[in-house]
N, C-alpha and C. Protein backbone atom coordinates (compact mmCIF):
# COMPACT_ATOMS: atom_id res chain seq x y z
N UNK A 1 1.02 -1.04 0.02
CA UNK A 1 0.01 -0.16 0.13
C UNK A 1 0.93 1.11 -0.07
N UNK A 2 1.77 1.31 0.96
CA UNK A 2 2.70 2.18 1.19
C UNK A 2 3.38 2.76 -0.57
N UNK A 3 3.91 1.43 -0.88
CA UNK A 3 4.59 1.51 -2.06
C UNK A 3 3.63 2.00 -3.38
N UNK A 4 2.21 2.08 -3.21
CA UNK A 4 1.46 2.94 -4.31
C UNK A 4 0.70 3.97 -3.66
N UNK A 5 1.52 4.67 -2.85
CA UNK A 5 0.87 5.75 -1.98
C UNK A 5 -0.24 5.85 -1.81
N UNK A 6 -0.81 4.88 -1.24
CA UNK A 6 -1.89 4.64 -0.48
C UNK A 6 -1.68 4.79 1.20
N UNK A 7 -2.62 5.26 1.45
CA UNK A 7 -2.60 5.61 3.21
C UNK A 7 -3.60 4.34 3.76
N UNK A 8 -2.80 3.42 4.26
CA UNK A 8 -3.88 2.28 4.92
C UNK A 8 -4.99 2.54 5.97
N UNK A 9 -4.65 3.73 6.38
CA UNK A 9 -6.00 4.20 7.36
C UNK A 9 -7.13 4.44 6.63
N UNK A 10 -6.92 4.58 5.47
CA UNK A 10 -8.18 5.13 4.73
C UNK A 10 -8.97 3.89 4.71
N UNK A 11 -8.39 2.69 4.66
CA UNK A 11 -8.98 1.44 4.56
C UNK A 11 -9.70 0.52 5.70
N UNK A 12 -9.32 1.32 6.74
CA UNK A 12 -9.72 0.56 8.13
C UNK A 12 -10.18 1.32 9.20
N UNK A 13 -10.48 2.43 8.77
CA UNK A 13 -11.66 3.46 9.63
C UNK A 13 -12.75 4.16 8.78
N UNK A 14 -13.70 4.21 9.51
CA UNK A 14 -14.86 4.77 8.61
C UNK A 14 -15.64 5.57 9.90
N UNK A 15 -17.06 5.89 9.85
CA UNK A 15 -17.58 6.72 10.78
C UNK A 15 -18.07 5.64 11.73
N UNK A 16 -18.44 4.35 11.44
CA UNK A 16 -18.90 3.16 12.38
C UNK A 16 -18.10 2.71 12.60
N UNK A 17 -16.70 2.67 12.33
CA UNK A 17 -15.55 1.89 12.92
C UNK A 17 -14.37 2.96 12.97
N UNK A 18 -14.13 4.12 14.04
CA UNK A 18 -13.44 4.90 14.13
C UNK A 18 -11.71 4.61 14.78
N UNK A 19 -11.98 3.33 14.85
CA UNK A 19 -10.14 3.28 15.17
C UNK A 19 -9.97 1.52 14.36
N UNK A 20 -8.63 1.30 14.77
CA UNK A 20 -8.57 0.07 14.13
C UNK A 20 -7.14 -0.56 14.87
N UNK A 21 -6.80 -1.76 15.10
CA UNK A 21 -5.92 -2.63 15.96
C UNK A 21 -5.04 -3.40 14.80
N UNK A 22 -3.93 -3.52 15.17
CA UNK A 22 -2.96 -4.50 13.94
C UNK A 22 -2.55 -5.65 15.21
N UNK A 23 -2.29 -6.75 14.34
CA UNK A 23 -1.59 -7.80 14.76
C UNK A 23 -0.36 -8.26 13.76
N UNK A 24 0.50 -9.27 14.15
CA UNK A 24 1.57 -9.66 13.37
C UNK A 24 0.91 -10.91 12.73
N UNK A 25 1.37 -11.24 11.54
CA UNK A 25 0.91 -12.51 10.89
C UNK A 25 1.40 -13.74 11.72
N UNK A 26 2.72 -13.42 12.43
CA UNK A 26 3.38 -14.48 13.26
C UNK A 26 2.46 -14.63 14.43
N UNK A 27 1.98 -13.47 15.11
CA UNK A 27 0.90 -13.70 16.37
C UNK A 27 -0.52 -14.49 16.14
N UNK A 28 -0.95 -14.26 15.08
CA UNK A 28 -2.12 -14.93 14.12
C UNK A 28 -1.61 -16.41 14.23
N UNK A 29 -0.71 -16.78 13.33
CA UNK A 29 -0.64 -17.93 13.04
C UNK A 29 -0.08 -18.99 14.35
N UNK A 30 0.45 -18.28 15.15
CA UNK A 30 0.53 -18.86 16.79
C UNK A 30 -0.42 -19.09 17.33
N UNK A 31 -1.41 -18.89 16.59
CA UNK A 31 -2.90 -19.14 17.71
C UNK A 31 -3.50 -20.31 16.91
N UNK A 32 -3.05 -20.91 15.73
CA UNK A 32 -3.60 -21.80 15.16
C UNK A 32 -4.62 -21.14 14.14
N UNK A 33 -4.40 -19.92 13.73
CA UNK A 33 -5.48 -19.14 12.88
C UNK A 33 -4.40 -19.10 11.77
N UNK A 34 -5.53 -18.81 10.59
CA UNK A 34 -4.88 -18.55 9.09
C UNK A 34 -4.99 -17.17 8.85
N UNK A 35 -3.80 -16.49 8.32
CA UNK A 35 -4.09 -14.78 7.96
C UNK A 35 -3.57 -14.83 6.34
N UNK A 36 -4.42 -14.33 5.56
CA UNK A 36 -4.18 -14.15 4.27
C UNK A 36 -4.69 -13.18 3.46
N UNK A 37 -4.20 -13.07 2.30
CA UNK A 37 -4.89 -11.91 1.30
C UNK A 37 -6.28 -12.34 0.82
N UNK A 38 -7.33 -11.29 0.76
CA UNK A 38 -8.50 -11.52 0.22
C UNK A 38 -9.15 -10.33 0.23
N UNK A 39 -8.85 -9.81 -1.12
CA UNK A 39 -9.39 -9.01 -1.96
C UNK A 39 -10.86 -8.66 -1.95
N UNK A 40 -11.31 -7.52 -1.57
CA UNK A 40 -12.69 -7.11 -2.06
C UNK A 40 -13.02 -6.64 -3.41
N UNK A 41 -13.80 -7.27 -4.39
CA UNK A 41 -14.02 -6.33 -5.38
C UNK A 41 -15.46 -6.80 -5.82
N UNK A 42 -16.43 -5.40 -6.36
CA UNK A 42 -17.55 -5.97 -7.19
C UNK A 42 -18.24 -6.65 -5.75
N UNK A 43 -18.42 -6.30 -4.44
CA UNK A 43 -19.53 -6.70 -3.58
C UNK A 43 -20.03 -5.29 -3.55
N UNK A 44 -21.66 -5.32 -3.57
CA UNK A 44 -22.57 -4.23 -3.17
C UNK A 44 -22.53 -3.48 -2.00
N UNK A 45 -22.13 -4.46 -1.08
CA UNK A 45 -22.21 -3.88 0.27
C UNK A 45 -20.97 -3.01 0.68
N UNK A 46 -19.79 -3.39 -0.34
CA UNK A 46 -18.32 -3.14 0.49
C UNK A 46 -17.65 -1.95 -1.10
N UNK A 47 -16.94 -1.06 -0.66
CA UNK A 47 -15.85 -0.31 -1.07
C UNK A 47 -15.02 -1.56 -1.64
N UNK A 48 -14.54 -1.52 -3.04
CA UNK A 48 -13.24 -2.20 -3.52
C UNK A 48 -12.18 -2.11 -2.28
N UNK A 49 -11.70 -3.15 -2.60
CA UNK A 49 -10.23 -2.87 -1.26
C UNK A 49 -9.21 -4.12 -2.14
N UNK A 50 -8.19 -3.71 -2.55
CA UNK A 50 -7.47 -4.96 -3.30
C UNK A 50 -6.25 -5.04 -2.23
N UNK A 51 -6.31 -4.30 -1.21
CA UNK A 51 -5.53 -4.72 -0.28
C UNK A 51 -6.05 -5.53 0.96
N UNK A 52 -7.52 -6.03 0.84
CA UNK A 52 -7.82 -6.43 2.10
C UNK A 52 -7.23 -7.86 2.58
N UNK A 53 -7.41 -8.08 3.68
CA UNK A 53 -6.96 -9.44 4.27
C UNK A 53 -7.64 -9.99 5.26
N UNK A 54 -7.73 -10.98 5.68
CA UNK A 54 -8.60 -11.63 6.73
C UNK A 54 -7.90 -12.61 7.48
N UNK A 55 -8.33 -12.81 8.83
CA UNK A 55 -8.28 -13.98 9.40
C UNK A 55 -8.99 -15.10 9.62
N UNK A 56 -8.76 -16.77 9.36
CA UNK A 56 -9.64 -17.61 9.52
C UNK A 56 -9.40 -18.72 10.44
N UNK A 57 -10.47 -19.49 10.93
CA UNK A 57 -10.03 -20.48 11.63
C UNK A 57 -9.45 -21.70 10.93
N UNK A 58 -8.63 -22.41 11.43
CA UNK A 58 -8.36 -23.53 10.79
C UNK A 58 -9.09 -24.50 10.77
N UNK A 59 -10.42 -24.96 11.63
CA UNK A 59 -11.73 -25.89 11.63
C UNK A 59 -12.65 -25.28 11.24
N UNK A 60 -13.71 -25.86 11.11
CA UNK A 60 -14.98 -25.69 10.81
C UNK A 60 -15.94 -24.90 11.82
N UNK A 61 -14.94 -24.77 12.95
CA UNK A 61 -15.87 -24.08 14.47
C UNK A 61 -16.45 -22.79 13.76
N UNK A 62 -17.59 -22.22 14.15
CA UNK A 62 -18.08 -21.18 14.14
C UNK A 62 -17.44 -19.91 14.66
N UNK A 63 -17.14 -20.21 15.86
CA UNK A 63 -16.14 -19.12 16.84
C UNK A 63 -14.65 -19.25 16.78
N UNK A 64 -13.84 -18.14 17.09
CA UNK A 64 -12.57 -18.16 17.55
C UNK A 64 -12.96 -19.18 18.92
N UNK A 65 -11.62 -20.08 19.21
CA UNK A 65 -12.01 -20.40 20.96
C UNK A 65 -11.49 -19.13 21.57
N UNK A 66 -11.86 -19.55 23.26
CA UNK A 66 -11.41 -18.65 24.29
C UNK A 66 -10.14 -18.14 23.98
N UNK A 67 -9.23 -19.22 23.85
CA UNK A 67 -7.79 -19.18 23.87
C UNK A 67 -7.39 -18.28 22.82
N UNK A 68 -8.02 -18.42 21.58
CA UNK A 68 -7.61 -17.70 20.69
C UNK A 68 -8.17 -16.27 20.67
N UNK A 69 -9.38 -16.09 21.04
CA UNK A 69 -9.87 -14.64 21.37
C UNK A 69 -9.08 -13.75 22.00
N UNK A 70 -8.65 -14.69 23.40
CA UNK A 70 -7.47 -13.91 24.56
C UNK A 70 -6.41 -13.63 23.68
N UNK A 71 -5.86 -14.67 22.94
CA UNK A 71 -4.63 -14.40 22.22
C UNK A 71 -4.41 -13.06 21.49
N UNK A 72 -5.75 -12.86 20.75
CA UNK A 72 -6.27 -11.75 19.78
C UNK A 72 -6.21 -10.56 20.50
N UNK A 73 -6.74 -10.51 21.61
CA UNK A 73 -6.65 -9.38 22.37
C UNK A 73 -5.35 -8.90 23.05
N UNK A 74 -4.85 -10.03 23.57
CA UNK A 74 -3.35 -9.58 23.93
C UNK A 74 -2.22 -9.26 22.96
N UNK A 75 -2.32 -9.61 21.60
CA UNK A 75 -1.67 -9.30 20.80
C UNK A 75 -1.80 -7.99 20.07
N UNK A 76 -3.15 -7.41 20.07
CA UNK A 76 -3.50 -6.57 19.50
C UNK A 76 -2.98 -5.04 19.71
N UNK A 77 -2.44 -4.33 18.99
CA UNK A 77 -1.72 -3.10 19.06
C UNK A 77 -2.72 -1.79 18.11
N UNK A 78 -2.74 -0.87 18.99
CA UNK A 78 -3.50 0.27 18.30
C UNK A 78 -2.62 0.69 16.68
N UNK A 79 -3.60 0.72 15.95
CA UNK A 79 -3.17 1.18 14.49
C UNK A 79 -3.75 2.48 14.31
N UNK A 80 -4.84 2.85 14.26
CA UNK A 80 -5.59 4.05 14.67
C UNK A 80 -6.39 4.15 15.99
N UNK A 81 -5.54 4.73 16.91
CA UNK A 81 -6.20 4.83 18.29
C UNK A 81 -7.77 5.53 18.18
N UNK A 82 -8.40 5.10 19.19
CA UNK A 82 -9.55 5.62 19.51
C UNK A 82 -9.34 6.35 20.98
N UNK A 83 -9.34 7.80 21.26
CA UNK A 83 -8.98 8.68 22.39
C UNK A 83 -9.79 7.81 23.24
N UNK A 84 -9.27 7.79 24.54
CA UNK A 84 -9.74 7.18 25.98
C UNK A 84 -10.48 6.03 25.80
N UNK A 85 -10.12 5.01 25.29
CA UNK A 85 -10.00 3.39 24.70
C UNK A 85 -9.28 2.79 25.10
N UNK A 86 -9.22 1.89 26.41
CA UNK A 86 -8.13 1.04 26.22
C UNK A 86 -8.16 -0.39 25.97
N UNK A 87 -7.36 -1.08 25.19
CA UNK A 87 -7.40 -2.44 24.77
C UNK A 87 -7.18 -3.27 25.47
N UNK A 88 -6.77 -3.26 26.89
CA UNK A 88 -6.88 -4.44 27.88
C UNK A 88 -7.37 -4.07 29.05
């Protein structure tokens, strides 16, 4: 994104979602989750985003496990901070 002179914060914030957190791919994978490239194109409900990525469970479970949720919470770092909101 940076190489293409695109500001990443333009893709991770909106009026509804004013902040964003980040994780390293290694942190995601250490929780037995998969992280990958998943561009959004031609979705009538979302703007196109050729840079979009996503995190998936490695199983067919409908939700992250408690340990995965806690691990994500512990690994989260502010990318676009929301004033007066604590991550922990």
